[in-house]
Amino acid sequence: MNKLLIISLVMFLQACATGNSYTPTAPSIGDARDSCPVTAGTIIDLLNVTLEESRQTSKTVGAGIGGYIANEATDDKNDATQLVATLAGAVIGDAVGNAVSKSKDRNGIELIVEVKGKARSIIQEVDPNLQYQKGDAVWVTGFLDTNKYSRYNTCSSGIRVIPRSL
């Protein structure tokens, strides 16, 4: 029974830690048949980064489930033993949740792009089919001048940078 609970915990944490693609060549399905503005730009600098999934949810759920499992497993023990086991289970569950969410981290790239005389920082997931270098001419898709939703801002993929040759 304990093995089943541990497997359930890992599967639940795995589900909590999954996310969407942030590659420039995988726009959201919500962008299909929508029109997004496109602006010409030039890459003036770039930096490899790590896109981290939110660890807080996975760690919290892991700690809760780990503490619960340990508490139930020591239900027939004295209060002190049950308390120590519950705390240990919570710590182990937190560590498992952290490890699961770390496994979801992705390689990213921060592109500093000059668009209409302004430098813009745009972070996206690395696409192995695309290579960027300083001086590359690119298309920047999405709404650069507004971060709030409006009925006219329908690009659900956010801002993406794509080489002009595509």
N, C-alpha and C. Protein backbone atom coordinates (compact mmCIF):
# COMPACT_ATOMS: atom_id res chain seq x y z
N MET A 1 0.82 -1.20 0.00
CA MET A 1 0.00 0.00 0.00
C MET A 1 0.86 1.26 0.00
N ASN A 2 1.95 1.25 0.79
CA ASN A 2 2.82 2.42 0.82
C ASN A 2 3.45 2.70 -0.54
N LYS A 3 3.79 1.63 -1.28
CA LYS A 3 4.37 1.82 -2.61
C LYS A 3 3.37 2.52 -3.53
N LEU A 4 2.11 2.13 -3.42
CA LEU A 4 1.07 2.76 -4.22
C LEU A 4 0.95 4.24 -3.90
N LEU A 5 1.01 4.59 -2.63
CA LEU A 5 0.92 6.00 -2.23
C LEU A 5 2.13 6.79 -2.74
N ILE A 6 3.31 6.20 -2.67
CA ILE A 6 4.51 6.89 -3.15
C ILE A 6 4.44 7.10 -4.66
N ILE A 7 4.01 6.07 -5.38
CA ILE A 7 3.86 6.20 -6.83
C ILE A 7 2.82 7.28 -7.16
N SER A 8 1.72 7.29 -6.42
CA SER A 8 0.69 8.30 -6.63
C SER A 8 1.23 9.70 -6.37
N LEU A 9 2.04 9.83 -5.32
CA LEU A 9 2.65 11.12 -4.99
C LEU A 9 3.53 11.60 -6.13
N VAL A 10 4.40 10.74 -6.63
CA VAL A 10 5.31 11.13 -7.70
C VAL A 10 4.53 11.50 -8.96
N MET A 11 3.50 10.72 -9.29
CA MET A 11 2.71 11.03 -10.48
C MET A 11 1.97 12.35 -10.33
N PHE A 12 1.43 12.62 -9.14
CA PHE A 12 0.73 13.87 -8.91
C PHE A 12 1.68 15.06 -9.02
N LEU A 13 2.86 14.94 -8.42
CA LEU A 13 3.84 16.02 -8.49
C LEU A 13 4.30 16.24 -9.92
N GLN A 14 4.46 15.16 -10.67
CA GLN A 14 4.86 15.28 -12.07
C GLN A 14 3.80 16.07 -12.85
N ALA A 15 2.55 15.78 -12.58
CA ALA A 15 1.46 16.49 -13.26
C ALA A 15 1.43 17.96 -12.88
N CYS A 16 1.72 18.27 -11.62
CA CYS A 16 1.72 19.67 -11.18
C CYS A 16 2.84 20.45 -11.82
N ALA A 17 3.93 19.80 -12.16
CA ALA A 17 5.11 20.50 -12.63
C ALA A 17 5.17 20.64 -14.15
N THR A 18 4.21 20.13 -14.89
CA THR A 18 4.27 20.23 -16.34
C THR A 18 3.89 21.63 -16.79
N GLY A 19 4.42 22.02 -17.93
CA GLY A 19 4.15 23.35 -18.44
C GLY A 19 4.04 23.36 -19.95
N ASN A 20 3.88 24.55 -20.51
CA ASN A 20 3.74 24.71 -21.94
C ASN A 20 5.09 24.91 -22.59
N SER A 21 5.11 24.83 -23.91
CA SER A 21 6.32 25.10 -24.67
C SER A 21 6.47 26.61 -24.84
N TYR A 22 7.69 27.08 -24.73
CA TYR A 22 7.98 28.49 -24.95
C TYR A 22 8.94 28.66 -26.12
N THR A 23 8.96 27.66 -27.03
CA THR A 23 9.82 27.80 -28.21
C THR A 23 9.15 28.74 -29.21
N PRO A 24 9.94 29.47 -29.96
CA PRO A 24 9.36 30.43 -30.90
C PRO A 24 8.64 29.77 -32.06
N THR A 25 8.96 28.51 -32.36
CA THR A 25 8.31 27.85 -33.49
C THR A 25 7.15 26.96 -33.05
N ALA A 26 6.72 27.08 -31.80
CA ALA A 26 5.56 26.33 -31.31
C ALA A 26 4.57 27.29 -30.65
N PRO A 27 3.90 28.11 -31.46
CA PRO A 27 2.94 29.05 -30.88
C PRO A 27 1.76 28.32 -30.26
N SER A 28 1.06 28.99 -29.40
CA SER A 28 -0.13 28.43 -28.77
C SER A 28 -1.21 28.18 -29.81
N ILE A 29 -2.00 27.14 -29.59
CA ILE A 29 -3.10 26.85 -30.51
C ILE A 29 -4.09 28.02 -30.56
N GLY A 30 -4.11 28.82 -29.50
CA GLY A 30 -5.00 29.99 -29.48
C GLY A 30 -4.62 31.04 -30.52
N ASP A 31 -3.39 30.97 -31.04
CA ASP A 31 -2.96 31.92 -32.06
C ASP A 31 -3.39 31.51 -33.46
N ALA A 32 -3.89 30.30 -33.62
CA ALA A 32 -4.33 29.85 -34.94
C ALA A 32 -5.45 30.76 -35.44
N ARG A 33 -5.31 31.22 -36.64
CA ARG A 33 -6.28 32.10 -37.31
C ARG A 33 -6.43 33.46 -36.66
N ASP A 34 -5.53 33.80 -35.76
CA ASP A 34 -5.52 35.16 -35.21
C ASP A 34 -4.40 35.94 -35.88
N SER A 35 -4.51 37.23 -35.83
CA SER A 35 -3.49 38.10 -36.38
C SER A 35 -2.71 38.73 -35.25
N CYS A 36 -1.39 38.57 -35.29
CA CYS A 36 -0.52 39.18 -34.28
C CYS A 36 0.40 40.17 -34.99
N PRO A 37 0.67 41.31 -34.37
CA PRO A 37 1.56 42.27 -35.01
C PRO A 37 2.98 41.72 -35.12
N VAL A 38 3.67 42.11 -36.17
CA VAL A 38 5.04 41.68 -36.42
C VAL A 38 5.88 42.93 -36.64
N THR A 39 7.02 42.97 -35.98
CA THR A 39 7.92 44.12 -36.08
C THR A 39 9.32 43.63 -36.40
N ALA A 40 10.01 44.32 -37.28
CA ALA A 40 11.39 43.96 -37.62
C ALA A 40 12.31 44.40 -36.49
N GLY A 41 13.32 43.59 -36.21
CA GLY A 41 14.29 43.92 -35.17
C GLY A 41 15.65 43.34 -35.48
N THR A 42 16.62 43.71 -34.65
CA THR A 42 17.98 43.21 -34.78
C THR A 42 18.48 42.77 -33.41
N ILE A 43 19.07 41.59 -33.34
CA ILE A 43 19.62 41.10 -32.07
C ILE A 43 20.89 41.87 -31.76
N ILE A 44 20.92 42.50 -30.58
CA ILE A 44 22.12 43.24 -30.19
C ILE A 44 22.91 42.51 -29.09
N ASP A 45 22.28 41.53 -28.44
CA ASP A 45 22.98 40.71 -27.45
C ASP A 45 22.12 39.50 -27.12
N LEU A 46 22.73 38.47 -26.56
CA LEU A 46 21.98 37.29 -26.16
C LEU A 46 22.68 36.59 -25.01
N LEU A 47 21.90 35.81 -24.27
CA LEU A 47 22.41 35.13 -23.08
C LEU A 47 21.64 33.83 -22.89
N ASN A 48 22.34 32.73 -22.66
CA ASN A 48 21.67 31.47 -22.34
C ASN A 48 21.17 31.53 -20.91
N VAL A 49 19.93 31.09 -20.70
CA VAL A 49 19.30 31.12 -19.38
C VAL A 49 18.61 29.78 -19.13
N THR A 50 18.17 29.57 -17.90
CA THR A 50 17.38 28.39 -17.54
C THR A 50 15.97 28.86 -17.21
N LEU A 51 14.98 28.25 -17.86
CA LEU A 51 13.58 28.54 -17.56
C LEU A 51 13.14 27.56 -16.48
N GLU A 52 12.90 28.08 -15.30
CA GLU A 52 12.54 27.23 -14.17
C GLU A 52 11.03 27.17 -13.99
N GLU A 53 10.53 25.96 -13.79
CA GLU A 53 9.13 25.79 -13.43
C GLU A 53 8.95 26.25 -11.99
N SER A 54 7.75 26.63 -11.63
CA SER A 54 7.46 27.04 -10.26
C SER A 54 7.65 25.85 -9.34
N ARG A 55 8.53 26.00 -8.37
CA ARG A 55 8.82 24.92 -7.45
C ARG A 55 7.86 24.91 -6.26
N GLN A 56 7.24 26.03 -5.98
CA GLN A 56 6.44 26.15 -4.76
C GLN A 56 5.28 25.17 -4.71
N THR A 57 4.54 25.03 -5.80
CA THR A 57 3.38 24.13 -5.79
C THR A 57 3.82 22.69 -5.57
N SER A 58 4.83 22.24 -6.33
CA SER A 58 5.30 20.87 -6.20
C SER A 58 5.85 20.59 -4.81
N LYS A 59 6.59 21.54 -4.26
CA LYS A 59 7.16 21.34 -2.93
C LYS A 59 6.07 21.30 -1.86
N THR A 60 5.08 22.17 -1.98
CA THR A 60 4.00 22.22 -0.99
C THR A 60 3.16 20.94 -1.03
N VAL A 61 2.80 20.53 -2.23
CA VAL A 61 2.01 19.30 -2.36
C VAL A 61 2.83 18.10 -1.88
N GLY A 62 4.10 18.06 -2.25
CA GLY A 62 4.97 16.96 -1.81
C GLY A 62 5.08 16.90 -0.30
N ALA A 63 5.26 18.04 0.33
CA ALA A 63 5.37 18.07 1.79
C ALA A 63 4.06 17.64 2.44
N GLY A 64 2.95 18.09 1.90
CA GLY A 64 1.65 17.71 2.46
C GLY A 64 1.38 16.22 2.35
N ILE A 65 1.62 15.68 1.16
CA ILE A 65 1.37 14.25 0.96
C ILE A 65 2.38 13.41 1.74
N GLY A 66 3.65 13.82 1.74
CA GLY A 66 4.67 13.09 2.51
C GLY A 66 4.35 13.07 3.99
N GLY A 67 3.94 14.21 4.52
CA GLY A 67 3.57 14.29 5.93
C GLY A 67 2.35 13.44 6.24
N TYR A 68 1.38 13.46 5.34
CA TYR A 68 0.16 12.67 5.54
C TYR A 68 0.48 11.17 5.53
N ILE A 69 1.26 10.73 4.56
CA ILE A 69 1.61 9.31 4.47
C ILE A 69 2.35 8.86 5.73
N ALA A 70 3.33 9.65 6.16
CA ALA A 70 4.09 9.29 7.36
C ALA A 70 3.19 9.29 8.59
N ASN A 71 2.29 10.24 8.67
CA ASN A 71 1.37 10.31 9.81
C ASN A 71 0.48 9.08 9.86
N GLU A 72 -0.07 8.70 8.71
CA GLU A 72 -0.94 7.53 8.66
C GLU A 72 -0.18 6.24 8.93
N ALA A 73 1.08 6.17 8.48
CA ALA A 73 1.88 4.96 8.68
C ALA A 73 2.23 4.75 10.16
N THR A 74 2.23 5.83 10.94
CA THR A 74 2.59 5.72 12.37
C THR A 74 1.38 5.97 13.26
N ASP A 75 0.20 5.72 12.73
CA ASP A 75 -1.04 5.99 13.47
C ASP A 75 -1.14 5.19 14.76
N ASP A 76 -0.53 4.02 14.80
CA ASP A 76 -0.60 3.18 15.99
C ASP A 76 0.54 3.44 16.98
N LYS A 77 1.38 4.42 16.69
CA LYS A 77 2.52 4.76 17.57
C LYS A 77 2.13 5.88 18.52
N ASN A 78 3.04 6.20 19.46
CA ASN A 78 2.74 7.30 20.39
C ASN A 78 2.82 8.65 19.67
N ASP A 79 2.33 9.68 20.32
CA ASP A 79 2.24 11.01 19.70
C ASP A 79 3.59 11.57 19.26
N ALA A 80 4.61 11.38 20.08
CA ALA A 80 5.94 11.90 19.76
C ALA A 80 6.48 11.24 18.50
N THR A 81 6.35 9.93 18.41
CA THR A 81 6.83 9.20 17.23
C THR A 81 6.06 9.64 15.99
N GLN A 82 4.75 9.79 16.14
CA GLN A 82 3.92 10.21 15.01
C GLN A 82 4.30 11.62 14.55
N LEU A 83 4.58 12.51 15.48
CA LEU A 83 4.97 13.87 15.14
C LEU A 83 6.29 13.89 14.38
N VAL A 84 7.28 13.16 14.89
CA VAL A 84 8.59 13.11 14.23
C VAL A 84 8.46 12.50 12.84
N ALA A 85 7.67 11.43 12.72
CA ALA A 85 7.48 10.79 11.42
C ALA A 85 6.77 11.73 10.44
N THR A 86 5.78 12.45 10.93
CA THR A 86 5.05 13.40 10.07
C THR A 86 5.99 14.50 9.57
N LEU A 87 6.82 15.04 10.45
CA LEU A 87 7.77 16.07 10.04
C LEU A 87 8.79 15.52 9.04
N ALA A 88 9.29 14.31 9.31
CA ALA A 88 10.25 13.70 8.39
C ALA A 88 9.59 13.45 7.03
N GLY A 89 8.35 12.97 7.04
CA GLY A 89 7.64 12.74 5.79
C GLY A 89 7.43 14.03 5.01
N ALA A 90 7.14 15.10 5.72
CA ALA A 90 6.96 16.40 5.07
C ALA A 90 8.26 16.88 4.43
N VAL A 91 9.38 16.70 5.13
CA VAL A 91 10.69 17.12 4.60
C VAL A 91 11.04 16.28 3.37
N ILE A 92 10.82 14.97 3.45
CA ILE A 92 11.12 14.11 2.30
C ILE A 92 10.20 14.44 1.13
N GLY A 93 8.91 14.66 1.40
CA GLY A 93 7.97 15.03 0.34
C GLY A 93 8.34 16.35 -0.32
N ASP A 94 8.80 17.30 0.48
CA ASP A 94 9.26 18.59 -0.06
C ASP A 94 10.44 18.37 -1.01
N ALA A 95 11.38 17.52 -0.61
CA ALA A 95 12.55 17.24 -1.45
C ALA A 95 12.14 16.54 -2.75
N VAL A 96 11.20 15.61 -2.65
CA VAL A 96 10.72 14.92 -3.86
C VAL A 96 10.02 15.92 -4.78
N GLY A 97 9.19 16.77 -4.22
CA GLY A 97 8.51 17.79 -5.02
C GLY A 97 9.49 18.72 -5.72
N ASN A 98 10.55 19.11 -5.02
CA ASN A 98 11.57 19.97 -5.60
C ASN A 98 12.28 19.27 -6.76
N ALA A 99 12.62 17.99 -6.55
CA ALA A 99 13.31 17.23 -7.60
C ALA A 99 12.43 17.06 -8.84
N VAL A 100 11.15 16.80 -8.63
CA VAL A 100 10.24 16.64 -9.75
C VAL A 100 10.13 17.94 -10.54
N SER A 101 9.99 19.06 -9.85
CA SER A 101 9.85 20.33 -10.57
C SER A 101 11.16 20.73 -11.26
N LYS A 102 12.31 20.38 -10.68
CA LYS A 102 13.59 20.68 -11.34
C LYS A 102 13.73 19.90 -12.64
N SER A 103 13.14 18.71 -12.69
CA SER A 103 13.23 17.90 -13.90
C SER A 103 12.48 18.55 -15.06
N LYS A 104 11.66 19.54 -14.77
CA LYS A 104 10.88 20.23 -15.80
C LYS A 104 11.55 21.52 -16.28
N ASP A 105 12.70 21.87 -15.72
CA ASP A 105 13.41 23.06 -16.18
C ASP A 105 13.78 22.91 -17.66
N ARG A 106 13.88 24.03 -18.35
CA ARG A 106 14.19 24.02 -19.78
C ARG A 106 15.31 25.00 -20.08
N ASN A 107 16.03 24.74 -21.16
CA ASN A 107 17.04 25.67 -21.64
C ASN A 107 16.35 26.83 -22.34
N GLY A 108 16.77 28.03 -21.99
CA GLY A 108 16.18 29.22 -22.60
C GLY A 108 17.25 30.14 -23.14
N ILE A 109 16.80 31.17 -23.81
CA ILE A 109 17.70 32.19 -24.33
C ILE A 109 17.05 33.56 -24.12
N GLU A 110 17.83 34.48 -23.62
CA GLU A 110 17.37 35.86 -23.50
C GLU A 110 17.97 36.63 -24.66
N LEU A 111 17.09 37.18 -25.48
CA LEU A 111 17.51 37.95 -26.65
C LEU A 111 17.28 39.42 -26.37
N ILE A 112 18.32 40.21 -26.54
CA ILE A 112 18.18 41.66 -26.47
C ILE A 112 18.04 42.12 -27.91
N VAL A 113 16.84 42.62 -28.23
CA VAL A 113 16.51 42.95 -29.61
C VAL A 113 16.23 44.45 -29.71
N GLU A 114 16.84 45.08 -30.71
CA GLU A 114 16.53 46.49 -30.97
C GLU A 114 15.34 46.54 -31.91
N VAL A 115 14.27 47.18 -31.44
CA VAL A 115 13.05 47.32 -32.22
C VAL A 115 12.64 48.79 -32.18
N LYS A 116 12.58 49.41 -33.34
CA LYS A 116 12.18 50.81 -33.44
C LYS A 116 13.00 51.71 -32.52
N GLY A 117 14.31 51.47 -32.46
CA GLY A 117 15.20 52.30 -31.67
C GLY A 117 15.23 51.99 -30.18
N LYS A 118 14.46 51.01 -29.72
CA LYS A 118 14.45 50.64 -28.30
C LYS A 118 14.98 49.23 -28.14
N ALA A 119 15.74 49.00 -27.07
CA ALA A 119 16.21 47.66 -26.76
C ALA A 119 15.13 46.94 -25.94
N ARG A 120 14.82 45.72 -26.35
CA ARG A 120 13.81 44.91 -25.66
C ARG A 120 14.44 43.58 -25.26
N SER A 121 14.16 43.12 -24.04
CA SER A 121 14.61 41.82 -23.57
C SER A 121 13.46 40.84 -23.75
N ILE A 122 13.71 39.77 -24.51
CA ILE A 122 12.70 38.75 -24.76
C ILE A 122 13.31 37.39 -24.43
N ILE A 123 12.66 36.68 -23.53
CA ILE A 123 13.15 35.37 -23.11
C ILE A 123 12.23 34.30 -23.69
N GLN A 124 12.83 33.29 -24.30
CA GLN A 124 12.04 32.19 -24.85
C GLN A 124 12.84 30.89 -24.72
N GLU A 125 12.13 29.78 -24.86
CA GLU A 125 12.78 28.48 -24.78
C GLU A 125 13.67 28.27 -26.00
N VAL A 126 14.79 27.58 -25.81
CA VAL A 126 15.69 27.29 -26.92
C VAL A 126 15.01 26.32 -27.88
N ASP A 127 15.06 26.65 -29.15
CA ASP A 127 14.59 25.76 -30.20
C ASP A 127 15.85 25.26 -30.91
N PRO A 128 16.13 23.95 -30.87
CA PRO A 128 17.37 23.45 -31.47
C PRO A 128 17.46 23.70 -32.98
N ASN A 129 16.35 24.02 -33.62
CA ASN A 129 16.36 24.28 -35.05
C ASN A 129 16.70 25.73 -35.39
N LEU A 130 16.78 26.58 -34.39
CA LEU A 130 17.06 27.99 -34.62
C LEU A 130 18.35 28.39 -33.91
N GLN A 131 19.19 29.11 -34.61
CA GLN A 131 20.43 29.63 -34.03
C GLN A 131 20.40 31.15 -34.14
N TYR A 132 20.75 31.82 -33.06
CA TYR A 132 20.76 33.28 -33.05
C TYR A 132 22.19 33.77 -32.83
N GLN A 133 22.51 34.91 -33.45
CA GLN A 133 23.79 35.56 -33.24
C GLN A 133 23.56 37.07 -33.20
N LYS A 134 24.52 37.76 -32.58
CA LYS A 134 24.44 39.22 -32.59
C LYS A 134 24.41 39.71 -34.03
N GLY A 135 23.55 40.69 -34.28
CA GLY A 135 23.43 41.27 -35.60
C GLY A 135 22.39 40.60 -36.49
N ASP A 136 21.82 39.48 -36.04
CA ASP A 136 20.80 38.79 -36.85
C ASP A 136 19.56 39.67 -37.00
N ALA A 137 19.00 39.66 -38.20
CA ALA A 137 17.72 40.31 -38.46
C ALA A 137 16.61 39.34 -38.05
N VAL A 138 15.66 39.83 -37.27
CA VAL A 138 14.60 38.96 -36.74
C VAL A 138 13.23 39.62 -36.87
N TRP A 139 12.21 38.79 -36.76
CA TRP A 139 10.83 39.26 -36.63
C TRP A 139 10.45 39.10 -35.17
N VAL A 140 9.83 40.11 -34.61
CA VAL A 140 9.32 40.05 -33.25
C VAL A 140 7.79 40.06 -33.37
N THR A 141 7.15 38.96 -32.95
CA THR A 141 5.70 38.87 -33.04
C THR A 141 5.09 39.09 -31.66
N GLY A 142 3.94 39.71 -31.64
CA GLY A 142 3.25 39.97 -30.38
C GLY A 142 3.18 41.45 -30.08
N PHE A 143 2.52 41.76 -28.97
CA PHE A 143 2.30 43.15 -28.58
C PHE A 143 3.42 43.61 -27.66
N LEU A 144 4.33 44.43 -28.18
CA LEU A 144 5.46 44.92 -27.41
C LEU A 144 5.11 46.05 -26.46
N ASP A 145 4.11 46.83 -26.79
CA ASP A 145 3.85 48.05 -26.03
C ASP A 145 2.77 47.91 -24.97
N THR A 146 2.21 46.72 -24.80
CA THR A 146 1.20 46.56 -23.77
C THR A 146 1.35 45.21 -23.10
N ASN A 147 1.27 45.19 -21.79
CA ASN A 147 1.33 43.94 -21.04
C ASN A 147 -0.02 43.55 -20.49
N LYS A 148 -1.03 44.35 -20.76
CA LYS A 148 -2.35 44.03 -20.24
C LYS A 148 -3.22 43.46 -21.34
N TYR A 149 -4.19 42.68 -20.93
CA TYR A 149 -5.09 42.06 -21.88
C TYR A 149 -6.12 43.08 -22.37
N SER A 150 -6.40 43.02 -23.63
CA SER A 150 -7.51 43.79 -24.19
C SER A 150 -8.12 42.94 -25.30
N ARG A 151 -9.26 43.35 -25.79
CA ARG A 151 -9.89 42.56 -26.85
C ARG A 151 -9.09 42.61 -28.13
N TYR A 152 -8.14 43.54 -28.23
CA TYR A 152 -7.31 43.64 -29.42
C TYR A 152 -6.00 42.88 -29.27
N ASN A 153 -5.64 42.52 -28.05
CA ASN A 153 -4.40 41.81 -27.77
C ASN A 153 -4.72 40.32 -27.71
N THR A 154 -4.74 39.66 -28.86
CA THR A 154 -5.19 38.27 -28.91
C THR A 154 -4.06 37.29 -29.16
N CYS A 155 -2.82 37.68 -29.06
CA CYS A 155 -1.70 36.76 -29.27
C CYS A 155 -1.46 35.98 -27.99
N SER A 156 -1.99 34.77 -27.94
CA SER A 156 -1.87 34.00 -26.70
C SER A 156 -0.48 33.44 -26.48
N SER A 157 0.37 33.44 -27.49
CA SER A 157 1.75 32.95 -27.32
C SER A 157 2.68 33.99 -26.74
N GLY A 158 2.20 35.19 -26.52
CA GLY A 158 3.08 36.23 -26.03
C GLY A 158 3.98 36.74 -27.12
N ILE A 159 5.15 37.20 -26.73
CA ILE A 159 6.11 37.76 -27.69
C ILE A 159 7.10 36.67 -28.08
N ARG A 160 7.34 36.55 -29.38
CA ARG A 160 8.28 35.55 -29.90
C ARG A 160 9.26 36.23 -30.84
N VAL A 161 10.46 35.69 -30.93
CA VAL A 161 11.49 36.18 -31.84
C VAL A 161 11.82 35.07 -32.84
N ILE A 162 11.68 35.39 -34.12
CA ILE A 162 11.90 34.41 -35.18
C ILE A 162 12.85 35.01 -36.21
N PRO A 163 13.85 34.27 -36.66
CA PRO A 163 14.75 34.78 -37.71
C PRO A 163 13.95 35.20 -38.94
N ARG A 164 14.36 36.27 -39.60
CA ARG A 164 13.63 36.76 -40.77
C ARG A 164 13.67 35.78 -41.94
N SER A 165 14.61 34.88 -41.94
CA SER A 165 14.72 33.94 -43.07
C SER A 165 13.65 32.86 -43.04
N LEU A 166 12.90 32.73 -41.93
CA LEU A 166 11.87 31.68 -41.87
C LEU A 166 10.63 32.08 -42.61
